[in-house]
Amino acid sequence: MNREKHSTVSAKQMGWDADSGQIKRRQNIFDKCRGNALKASRILQNTAMRGGSDDIRRKARNDARYFFNMHERRKERMRRREGVK
């Protein structure tokens, strides 16, 4: 099975900190995931389910949605490019 689907890495290990600003939080984890929006989304979703306080869970859930939407937009863009050929 693909290792990327089952990550044991926490968002905290990837540089995501709930006390940071929104842009900094998202940029840190996106950089650590080497531009893989789906991987960042999965890690943050895991934090949203198992996070500590309600504030951490809310921020992780919102950031996970942001990265999942980014992944979907990229996927759609790639589909359109393939249709043009």
N, C-alpha and C. Protein backbone atom coordinates (compact mmCIF):
# COMPACT_ATOMS: atom_id res chain seq x y z
N MET A 1 0.85 -1.18 0.00
CA MET A 1 0.00 0.00 0.00
C MET A 1 0.89 1.23 0.00
N ASN A 2 0.40 2.27 -0.62
CA ASN A 2 1.15 3.51 -0.73
C ASN A 2 1.38 4.12 0.66
N ARG A 3 2.62 4.40 0.98
CA ARG A 3 2.95 4.95 2.31
C ARG A 3 2.36 6.33 2.52
N GLU A 4 2.20 7.08 1.43
CA GLU A 4 1.72 8.45 1.55
C GLU A 4 0.28 8.50 2.06
N LYS A 5 -0.49 7.47 1.82
CA LYS A 5 -1.88 7.47 2.26
C LYS A 5 -2.00 7.35 3.78
N HIS A 6 -1.01 6.75 4.41
CA HIS A 6 -1.07 6.53 5.85
C HIS A 6 0.14 7.17 6.52
N SER A 7 0.02 8.43 6.76
CA SER A 7 1.13 9.16 7.35
C SER A 7 1.06 9.11 8.87
N THR A 8 2.21 8.88 9.48
CA THR A 8 2.28 8.89 10.94
C THR A 8 2.85 10.21 11.45
N VAL A 9 3.09 11.13 10.54
CA VAL A 9 3.66 12.42 10.90
C VAL A 9 2.55 13.33 11.40
N SER A 10 2.85 14.05 12.46
CA SER A 10 1.86 15.01 12.96
C SER A 10 2.09 16.37 12.32
N ALA A 11 1.08 17.19 12.36
CA ALA A 11 1.19 18.54 11.79
C ALA A 11 2.24 19.35 12.55
N LYS A 12 2.35 19.11 13.84
CA LYS A 12 3.33 19.83 14.65
C LYS A 12 4.75 19.52 14.17
N GLN A 13 5.01 18.26 13.81
CA GLN A 13 6.32 17.87 13.31
C GLN A 13 6.60 18.50 11.95
N MET A 14 5.55 18.84 11.22
CA MET A 14 5.71 19.42 9.89
C MET A 14 5.78 20.94 9.92
N GLY A 15 5.84 21.53 11.09
CA GLY A 15 6.00 22.98 11.20
C GLY A 15 4.70 23.74 11.37
N TRP A 16 3.58 23.03 11.47
CA TRP A 16 2.29 23.69 11.65
C TRP A 16 2.10 23.98 13.12
N ASP A 17 1.78 25.24 13.44
CA ASP A 17 1.58 25.64 14.82
C ASP A 17 0.33 26.51 14.89
N ALA A 18 -0.61 26.14 15.73
CA ALA A 18 -1.89 26.84 15.82
C ALA A 18 -1.71 28.28 16.29
N ASP A 19 -0.62 28.57 16.96
CA ASP A 19 -0.38 29.93 17.46
C ASP A 19 0.14 30.87 16.38
N SER A 20 0.61 30.32 15.27
CA SER A 20 1.10 31.15 14.17
C SER A 20 -0.07 31.72 13.38
N GLY A 21 0.22 32.68 12.55
CA GLY A 21 -0.79 33.25 11.68
C GLY A 21 -1.18 32.27 10.58
N GLN A 22 -2.30 32.51 9.95
CA GLN A 22 -2.84 31.60 8.95
C GLN A 22 -1.87 31.40 7.79
N ILE A 23 -1.32 32.47 7.27
CA ILE A 23 -0.42 32.36 6.12
C ILE A 23 0.83 31.58 6.49
N LYS A 24 1.40 31.87 7.65
CA LYS A 24 2.62 31.19 8.09
C LYS A 24 2.37 29.71 8.34
N ARG A 25 1.23 29.39 8.98
CA ARG A 25 0.89 27.98 9.24
C ARG A 25 0.82 27.20 7.94
N ARG A 26 0.08 27.75 7.00
CA ARG A 26 -0.14 27.05 5.73
C ARG A 26 1.15 26.95 4.91
N GLN A 27 1.95 28.00 4.91
CA GLN A 27 3.19 27.99 4.15
C GLN A 27 4.18 26.98 4.72
N ASN A 28 4.27 26.91 6.05
CA ASN A 28 5.20 25.97 6.69
C ASN A 28 4.88 24.53 6.32
N ILE A 29 3.64 24.13 6.45
CA ILE A 29 3.31 22.73 6.18
C ILE A 29 3.37 22.43 4.69
N PHE A 30 3.02 23.40 3.85
CA PHE A 30 3.08 23.20 2.41
C PHE A 30 4.53 23.01 1.95
N ASP A 31 5.44 23.79 2.53
CA ASP A 31 6.86 23.64 2.21
C ASP A 31 7.39 22.29 2.68
N LYS A 32 7.01 21.88 3.88
CA LYS A 32 7.50 20.60 4.42
C LYS A 32 6.95 19.41 3.63
N CYS A 33 5.77 19.57 3.03
CA CYS A 33 5.17 18.51 2.21
C CYS A 33 5.62 18.60 0.76
N ARG A 34 6.59 19.46 0.50
CA ARG A 34 7.18 19.63 -0.83
C ARG A 34 6.15 19.95 -1.89
N GLY A 35 5.19 20.77 -1.55
CA GLY A 35 4.19 21.21 -2.51
C GLY A 35 3.06 20.22 -2.77
N ASN A 36 2.98 19.18 -1.97
CA ASN A 36 1.93 18.18 -2.14
C ASN A 36 0.73 18.59 -1.26
N ALA A 37 -0.26 19.19 -1.91
CA ALA A 37 -1.42 19.72 -1.18
C ALA A 37 -2.25 18.61 -0.55
N LEU A 38 -2.36 17.47 -1.23
CA LEU A 38 -3.15 16.36 -0.68
C LEU A 38 -2.51 15.79 0.58
N LYS A 39 -1.20 15.68 0.57
CA LYS A 39 -0.49 15.19 1.76
C LYS A 39 -0.68 16.14 2.93
N ALA A 40 -0.57 17.43 2.68
CA ALA A 40 -0.78 18.43 3.73
C ALA A 40 -2.20 18.35 4.27
N SER A 41 -3.16 18.17 3.37
CA SER A 41 -4.55 18.06 3.78
C SER A 41 -4.78 16.86 4.67
N ARG A 42 -4.20 15.73 4.33
CA ARG A 42 -4.38 14.50 5.12
C ARG A 42 -3.75 14.64 6.51
N ILE A 43 -2.60 15.24 6.58
CA ILE A 43 -1.94 15.42 7.87
C ILE A 43 -2.77 16.34 8.75
N LEU A 44 -3.28 17.43 8.18
CA LEU A 44 -4.09 18.36 8.95
C LEU A 44 -5.44 17.77 9.33
N GLN A 45 -6.00 16.92 8.46
CA GLN A 45 -7.26 16.27 8.79
C GLN A 45 -7.07 15.35 9.99
N ASN A 46 -5.95 14.67 10.04
CA ASN A 46 -5.63 13.81 11.18
C ASN A 46 -5.54 14.64 12.46
N THR A 47 -4.92 15.80 12.37
CA THR A 47 -4.81 16.70 13.52
C THR A 47 -6.19 17.22 13.92
N ALA A 48 -7.03 17.50 12.93
CA ALA A 48 -8.38 17.99 13.22
C ALA A 48 -9.20 16.96 13.97
N MET A 49 -8.97 15.70 13.69
CA MET A 49 -9.73 14.64 14.38
C MET A 49 -9.17 14.35 15.77
N ARG A 50 -7.85 14.48 15.92
CA ARG A 50 -7.22 14.07 17.18
C ARG A 50 -6.55 15.21 17.92
N GLY A 51 -6.78 16.45 17.49
CA GLY A 51 -6.12 17.61 18.09
C GLY A 51 -6.58 17.84 19.52
N GLY A 52 -5.88 18.69 20.21
CA GLY A 52 -6.16 18.96 21.61
C GLY A 52 -7.37 19.84 21.83
N SER A 53 -7.19 21.12 21.77
CA SER A 53 -8.28 22.07 22.08
C SER A 53 -9.17 22.28 20.85
N ASP A 54 -10.31 22.90 21.10
CA ASP A 54 -11.24 23.19 20.01
C ASP A 54 -10.64 24.16 19.01
N ASP A 55 -9.82 25.09 19.48
CA ASP A 55 -9.18 26.07 18.60
C ASP A 55 -8.23 25.38 17.63
N ILE A 56 -7.43 24.46 18.13
CA ILE A 56 -6.49 23.71 17.28
C ILE A 56 -7.26 22.89 16.26
N ARG A 57 -8.29 22.23 16.70
CA ARG A 57 -9.08 21.39 15.79
C ARG A 57 -9.75 22.22 14.70
N ARG A 58 -10.28 23.38 15.06
CA ARG A 58 -10.93 24.25 14.09
C ARG A 58 -9.94 24.76 13.05
N LYS A 59 -8.78 25.22 13.50
CA LYS A 59 -7.77 25.73 12.57
C LYS A 59 -7.25 24.62 11.66
N ALA A 60 -7.02 23.44 12.21
CA ALA A 60 -6.53 22.33 11.40
C ALA A 60 -7.58 21.91 10.37
N ARG A 61 -8.84 21.88 10.77
CA ARG A 61 -9.91 21.51 9.84
C ARG A 61 -10.00 22.53 8.69
N ASN A 62 -9.94 23.81 9.01
CA ASN A 62 -10.00 24.84 7.97
C ASN A 62 -8.80 24.79 7.03
N ASP A 63 -7.62 24.57 7.59
CA ASP A 63 -6.42 24.46 6.75
C ASP A 63 -6.48 23.20 5.89
N ALA A 64 -7.00 22.11 6.42
CA ALA A 64 -7.14 20.88 5.64
C ALA A 64 -8.08 21.11 4.46
N ARG A 65 -9.19 21.81 4.69
CA ARG A 65 -10.11 22.12 3.59
C ARG A 65 -9.43 22.98 2.53
N TYR A 66 -8.65 23.94 2.98
CA TYR A 66 -7.93 24.82 2.05
C TYR A 66 -7.02 24.00 1.14
N PHE A 67 -6.24 23.08 1.71
CA PHE A 67 -5.32 22.28 0.91
C PHE A 67 -6.05 21.26 0.04
N PHE A 68 -7.15 20.72 0.52
CA PHE A 68 -7.90 19.78 -0.31
C PHE A 68 -8.51 20.51 -1.50
N ASN A 69 -9.03 21.71 -1.28
CA ASN A 69 -9.56 22.50 -2.40
C ASN A 69 -8.46 22.87 -3.39
N MET A 70 -7.27 23.17 -2.88
CA MET A 70 -6.14 23.45 -3.76
C MET A 70 -5.81 22.24 -4.62
N HIS A 71 -5.83 21.07 -4.01
CA HIS A 71 -5.56 19.83 -4.74
C HIS A 71 -6.61 19.61 -5.83
N GLU A 72 -7.87 19.83 -5.50
CA GLU A 72 -8.94 19.65 -6.47
C GLU A 72 -8.82 20.64 -7.63
N ARG A 73 -8.46 21.89 -7.35
CA ARG A 73 -8.29 22.87 -8.41
C ARG A 73 -7.13 22.48 -9.32
N ARG A 74 -6.05 21.99 -8.76
CA ARG A 74 -4.91 21.55 -9.58
C ARG A 74 -5.30 20.36 -10.44
N LYS A 75 -6.05 19.43 -9.87
CA LYS A 75 -6.48 18.25 -10.60
C LYS A 75 -7.37 18.65 -11.79
N GLU A 76 -8.28 19.57 -11.55
CA GLU A 76 -9.16 20.06 -12.60
C GLU A 76 -8.37 20.76 -13.71
N ARG A 77 -7.39 21.55 -13.31
CA ARG A 77 -6.54 22.24 -14.28
C ARG A 77 -5.79 21.22 -15.15
N MET A 78 -5.31 20.15 -14.55
CA MET A 78 -4.60 19.12 -15.31
C MET A 78 -5.54 18.40 -16.28
N ARG A 79 -6.78 18.17 -15.86
CA ARG A 79 -7.75 17.54 -16.75
C ARG A 79 -8.01 18.41 -17.97
N ARG A 80 -8.14 19.72 -17.74
CA ARG A 80 -8.38 20.64 -18.85
C ARG A 80 -7.19 20.68 -19.80
N ARG A 81 -5.98 20.64 -19.27
CA ARG A 81 -4.79 20.64 -20.11
C ARG A 81 -4.72 19.39 -20.97
N GLU A 82 -5.07 18.24 -20.38
CA GLU A 82 -5.03 17.00 -21.14
C GLU A 82 -6.08 16.99 -22.24
N GLY A 83 -7.20 17.65 -22.03
CA GLY A 83 -8.26 17.71 -23.03
C GLY A 83 -7.90 18.59 -24.20
N VAL A 84 -7.00 19.54 -24.00
CA VAL A 84 -6.61 20.48 -25.05
C VAL A 84 -5.72 19.80 -26.08
N LYS A 85 -4.92 18.83 -25.67
CA LYS A 85 -3.95 18.17 -26.56
C LYS A 85 -4.59 17.54 -27.75
